[in-house]
Amino acid sequence: MKTKTLVLLVAVSLLALPGVAFAAKAVPAKKGDIAFTFGGYVKMEVIWDSTQVNKNLYSLIARNNDPNFHHGRLKFTAENTRMHFAIRGPEVFGAKTSGYIEWDFDNHANQTGWFSTNKARVGLRHAMFRLTWPQTELMLGTYWSMLTEEVPETANFGACTTAGFPFVREPQIRLTQKAKLGRGLLTASVAIAEPHNGLWGFAENAYTGGYGAESTETPKVEVRLKYDIDLWGKAAFWGKPRPFSIRIGG
């Protein structure tokens, strides 16, 4: 009876407690000191996946223990465990300085393209710093693409999405300028980024020899104009309320 109870408690804990978040903060002693905030979460997932076809619904998902592929799979993984450093620095040239470094363990593809939860590797998600003035901001490092916020309402995300690749983190230098315009706020941004050849930097052209982002000598340039005005209150957008907004970018 005790053994059955213990097995039941372990099973329930795996399903009911998939992740544990944590955070630690170094409090600066004086103005101008550098402050670090360390955070993240440990996440253990137990997944029963009954999917039989891929997201485009035209081919079966290969299962390596059945030539006919007709079964689900059980997956245990902690690869989505994530950690980060948030950095607050002193003022430089009248600008507030800040930085952010984030990594996970989901970068587990080897050079042949095979994936394995037993070969999880540390993967860099973000590594950037900012100089922020009242109306101007300069950002340098690897962070979300400037167009990540501008997600079109398409039915299919990922490699086959015809609207481009909004969910990409890329090395970039970005300058943002804000200005009042009437009752609203005009924000102009320009970024010079690493030239990607294909989604997430993967090679689309076999002649590149597998070097995904090394097919051009010129950078990728992104621009965006955004005008926000509070006409009837703010609505939730990705967890952050924002007013009526007109945006154009490319």
Protein backbone atom coordinates (compact mmCIF):
# COMPACT_ATOMS: atom_id res chain seq x y z
CA MET A 1 0.00 0.00 0.00
CA LYS A 2 2.82 2.41 0.87
CA THR A 3 4.56 1.65 -2.45
CA LYS A 4 1.39 2.37 -4.45
CA THR A 5 0.86 5.62 -2.55
CA LEU A 6 4.46 6.73 -3.24
CA VAL A 7 4.15 5.98 -6.97
CA LEU A 8 0.88 7.92 -7.11
CA LEU A 9 2.42 10.94 -5.35
CA VAL A 10 5.38 10.98 -7.75
CA ALA A 11 3.08 10.84 -10.78
CA VAL A 12 0.88 13.64 -9.45
CA SER A 13 3.91 15.82 -8.68
CA LEU A 14 5.21 15.45 -12.25
CA LEU A 15 1.89 16.57 -13.70
CA ALA A 16 0.89 19.23 -11.17
CA LEU A 17 4.28 20.89 -10.61
CA PRO A 18 5.85 21.31 -14.07
CA GLY A 19 8.00 24.32 -13.19
CA VAL A 20 9.56 26.28 -10.35
CA ALA A 21 10.42 29.96 -10.82
CA PHE A 22 13.15 31.71 -8.90
CA ALA A 23 14.74 35.15 -8.69
CA ALA A 24 17.58 36.75 -6.74
CA LYS A 25 18.42 40.43 -6.68
CA ALA A 26 21.66 42.19 -5.79
CA VAL A 27 20.69 45.50 -4.15
CA PRO A 28 23.13 48.34 -4.90
CA ALA A 29 24.58 50.21 -1.95
CA LYS A 30 24.96 53.58 -3.66
CA LYS A 31 23.63 55.50 -6.60
CA GLY A 32 25.67 54.69 -9.67
CA ASP A 33 26.50 51.14 -8.65
CA ILE A 34 25.79 48.23 -10.97
CA ALA A 35 22.87 46.04 -9.90
CA PHE A 36 22.30 42.47 -11.11
CA THR A 37 19.02 40.57 -10.98
CA PHE A 38 19.29 36.83 -11.54
CA GLY A 39 16.12 34.94 -12.38
CA GLY A 40 14.50 32.22 -14.39
CA TYR A 41 12.74 28.95 -13.82
CA VAL A 42 13.32 25.21 -13.72
CA LYS A 43 10.72 23.41 -15.81
CA MET A 44 10.11 19.69 -16.00
CA GLU A 45 7.55 18.57 -18.57
CA VAL A 46 5.86 15.21 -19.03
CA ILE A 47 3.96 15.17 -22.32
CA TRP A 48 1.78 12.59 -24.04
CA ASP A 49 1.70 13.60 -27.70
CA SER A 50 -0.93 11.95 -29.90
CA THR A 51 -0.15 14.03 -33.02
CA GLN A 52 -0.01 11.94 -36.18
CA VAL A 53 0.58 14.54 -38.92
CA ASN A 54 2.65 17.71 -39.13
CA LYS A 55 1.18 21.19 -38.79
CA ASN A 56 0.58 21.49 -42.55
CA LEU A 57 -1.51 18.29 -42.47
CA TYR A 58 0.18 16.71 -45.47
CA SER A 59 2.66 14.18 -44.06
CA LEU A 60 2.93 11.79 -41.14
CA ILE A 61 5.29 12.44 -38.26
CA ALA A 62 8.01 9.79 -38.18
CA ARG A 63 8.18 7.58 -35.09
CA ASN A 64 11.38 5.60 -34.93
CA ASN A 65 9.90 2.45 -33.40
CA ASP A 66 7.04 1.86 -35.85
CA PRO A 67 7.41 1.85 -39.66
CA ASN A 68 3.75 2.82 -40.02
CA PHE A 69 4.07 5.76 -37.60
CA HIS A 70 0.56 5.23 -36.20
CA HIS A 71 1.01 5.90 -32.52
CA GLY A 72 1.72 8.75 -30.12
CA ARG A 73 4.74 9.31 -27.94
CA LEU A 74 5.66 10.00 -24.32
CA LYS A 75 8.21 12.76 -23.74
CA PHE A 76 10.11 13.82 -20.62
CA THR A 77 12.13 17.02 -20.91
CA ALA A 78 13.60 19.84 -18.84
CA GLU A 79 15.12 21.67 -21.81
CA ASN A 80 12.80 24.65 -21.42
CA THR A 81 14.52 25.52 -18.15
CA ARG A 82 15.57 29.15 -18.57
CA MET A 83 17.81 31.63 -16.75
CA HIS A 84 18.64 35.30 -17.16
CA PHE A 85 20.61 38.26 -15.85
CA ALA A 86 19.09 41.73 -15.86
CA ILE A 87 21.72 44.44 -15.39
CA ARG A 88 21.24 48.05 -14.33
CA GLY A 89 24.30 50.23 -14.82
CA PRO A 90 25.30 53.81 -14.03
CA GLU A 91 24.43 56.82 -16.17
CA VAL A 92 26.64 57.37 -19.21
CA PHE A 93 26.45 60.64 -21.22
CA GLY A 94 23.15 61.39 -19.49
CA ALA A 95 21.66 58.01 -20.48
CA LYS A 96 20.48 55.21 -18.22
CA THR A 97 22.26 51.96 -19.02
CA SER A 98 20.79 48.50 -18.78
CA GLY A 99 21.53 45.03 -20.08
CA TYR A 100 19.86 41.66 -20.40
CA ILE A 101 21.28 38.17 -20.92
CA GLU A 102 19.02 35.13 -21.27
CA TRP A 103 19.77 31.50 -22.08
CA ASP A 104 18.04 28.14 -22.16
CA PHE A 105 18.95 24.53 -22.90
CA ASP A 106 16.96 24.05 -26.08
CA ASN A 107 19.83 24.45 -28.54
CA HIS A 108 20.20 20.71 -28.93
CA ALA A 109 20.61 20.18 -32.69
CA ASN A 110 23.96 18.79 -33.75
CA GLN A 111 25.58 19.39 -37.12
CA THR A 112 23.69 16.55 -38.78
CA GLY A 113 20.35 18.03 -37.75
CA TRP A 114 19.36 15.27 -35.31
CA PHE A 115 17.64 16.21 -32.08
CA SER A 116 17.89 14.48 -28.72
CA THR A 117 16.80 15.45 -25.22
CA ASN A 118 19.93 13.67 -23.98
CA LYS A 119 22.15 16.14 -25.83
CA ALA A 120 20.66 19.40 -24.62
CA ARG A 121 22.98 22.37 -25.13
CA VAL A 122 23.01 25.88 -23.75
CA GLY A 123 21.44 28.24 -26.26
CA LEU A 124 21.74 32.03 -26.21
CA ARG A 125 18.37 33.75 -26.44
CA HIS A 126 19.18 37.39 -25.68
CA ALA A 127 22.36 39.33 -24.96
CA MET A 128 21.97 43.10 -25.35
CA PHE A 129 22.45 46.43 -23.61
CA ARG A 130 20.69 49.78 -23.91
CA LEU A 131 21.52 53.44 -23.51
CA THR A 132 18.22 55.19 -22.77
CA TRP A 133 17.65 58.96 -22.86
CA PRO A 134 14.22 60.57 -22.28
CA GLN A 135 13.34 60.51 -26.02
CA THR A 136 16.09 58.38 -27.56
CA GLU A 137 17.33 54.82 -27.14
CA LEU A 138 20.33 52.99 -28.57
CA MET A 139 20.35 49.20 -28.30
CA LEU A 140 23.20 46.86 -29.28
CA GLY A 141 23.21 43.07 -29.11
CA THR A 142 21.06 40.05 -29.79
CA TYR A 143 17.36 40.68 -29.13
CA TRP A 144 13.95 40.25 -30.72
CA SER A 145 13.67 41.51 -34.27
CA MET A 146 12.14 44.96 -34.48
CA LEU A 147 9.20 43.44 -36.38
CA THR A 148 8.48 40.77 -33.76
CA GLU A 149 5.81 43.03 -32.31
CA GLU A 150 4.09 43.28 -35.68
CA VAL A 151 2.72 39.75 -35.90
CA PRO A 152 0.18 39.29 -38.70
CA GLU A 153 -2.87 37.15 -38.04
CA THR A 154 -1.92 34.14 -40.12
CA ALA A 155 -3.10 30.58 -39.63
CA ASN A 156 0.38 29.12 -39.89
CA PHE A 157 3.43 30.20 -37.93
CA GLY A 158 6.90 28.79 -38.47
CA ALA A 159 8.96 27.91 -41.49
CA CYS A 160 6.06 27.96 -43.97
CA THR A 161 4.56 31.24 -42.86
CA THR A 162 4.26 33.53 -45.88
CA ALA A 163 4.43 36.69 -43.79
CA GLY A 164 8.12 36.31 -43.03
CA PHE A 165 9.70 35.40 -39.70
CA PRO A 166 8.56 37.74 -36.92
CA PHE A 167 9.67 35.48 -34.06
CA VAL A 168 13.41 35.79 -34.54
CA ARG A 169 16.20 36.99 -32.24
CA GLU A 170 18.96 38.64 -34.21
CA PRO A 171 22.22 40.54 -33.59
CA GLN A 172 21.48 44.19 -34.31
CA ILE A 173 22.17 47.85 -33.66
CA ARG A 174 18.88 49.71 -33.18
CA LEU A 175 18.20 53.41 -32.76
CA THR A 176 14.77 54.57 -31.55
CA GLN A 177 13.52 58.16 -31.41
CA LYS A 178 10.25 59.31 -29.79
CA ALA A 179 8.41 62.61 -30.30
CA LYS A 180 5.03 64.04 -29.32
CA LEU A 181 2.70 64.54 -32.29
CA GLY A 182 -0.60 66.12 -31.39
CA ARG A 183 -2.25 64.07 -28.67
CA GLY A 184 -0.24 60.99 -29.58
CA LEU A 185 3.31 59.69 -29.60
CA LEU A 186 5.34 59.08 -32.77
CA THR A 187 8.16 56.51 -32.54
CA ALA A 188 10.67 56.02 -35.36
CA SER A 189 13.12 53.09 -35.26
CA VAL A 190 15.87 51.88 -37.56
CA ALA A 191 18.00 48.76 -37.10
CA ILE A 192 21.04 47.36 -38.86
CA ALA A 193 20.99 43.60 -38.35
CA GLU A 194 22.85 40.45 -39.31
CA PRO A 195 21.76 39.28 -42.80
CA HIS A 196 19.86 36.01 -42.40
CA ASN A 197 19.55 33.56 -45.25
CA GLY A 198 16.31 31.82 -44.37
CA LEU A 199 14.19 31.43 -41.28
CA TRP A 200 16.11 31.70 -37.99
CA GLY A 201 19.37 31.85 -39.95
CA PHE A 202 19.04 28.39 -41.49
CA ALA A 203 20.39 28.00 -45.01
CA GLU A 204 17.79 27.88 -47.78
CA ASN A 205 20.33 27.72 -50.58
CA ALA A 206 22.40 24.54 -50.81
CA TYR A 207 25.23 26.47 -52.47
CA THR A 208 25.92 28.29 -49.20
CA GLY A 209 27.50 25.09 -47.92
CA GLY A 210 25.49 25.21 -44.71
CA TYR A 211 26.70 28.64 -43.60
CA GLY A 212 23.27 30.13 -43.13
CA ALA A 213 23.95 33.84 -42.71
CA GLU A 214 27.14 34.26 -44.73
CA SER A 215 25.81 34.83 -48.23
CA THR A 216 25.96 38.62 -48.26
CA GLU A 217 28.35 41.44 -47.35
CA THR A 218 25.60 43.98 -46.72
CA PRO A 219 23.51 44.14 -43.54
CA LYS A 220 19.79 43.75 -43.23
CA VAL A 221 18.07 47.09 -42.60
CA GLU A 222 14.75 47.31 -40.77
CA VAL A 223 12.66 50.45 -40.28
CA ARG A 224 9.44 51.11 -38.41
CA LEU A 225 7.14 54.05 -37.77
CA LYS A 226 4.59 53.82 -34.97
CA TYR A 227 1.95 56.29 -33.87
CA ASP A 228 0.09 55.66 -30.61
CA ILE A 229 -2.88 57.71 -29.48
CA ASP A 230 -5.28 57.04 -26.63
CA LEU A 231 -8.68 57.43 -28.31
CA TRP A 232 -10.84 55.18 -26.14
CA GLY A 233 -8.55 53.67 -23.50
CA LYS A 234 -5.96 50.92 -23.70
CA ALA A 235 -6.40 47.30 -24.71
CA ALA A 236 -4.26 44.31 -23.77
CA PHE A 237 -1.62 43.29 -26.29
CA TRP A 238 0.79 40.48 -25.42
CA GLY A 239 0.17 41.20 -21.75
CA LYS A 240 0.97 44.91 -22.06
CA PRO A 241 -1.88 47.40 -22.54
CA ARG A 242 -1.46 49.80 -25.45
CA PRO A 243 -3.64 52.49 -27.04
CA PHE A 244 -4.86 52.69 -30.62
CA SER A 245 -1.77 52.24 -32.77
CA ILE A 246 -0.87 52.79 -36.42
CA ARG A 247 2.32 51.03 -37.51
CA ILE A 248 4.27 50.52 -40.69
CA GLY A 249 7.55 48.68 -41.02
CA GLY A 250 9.63 46.50 -43.24
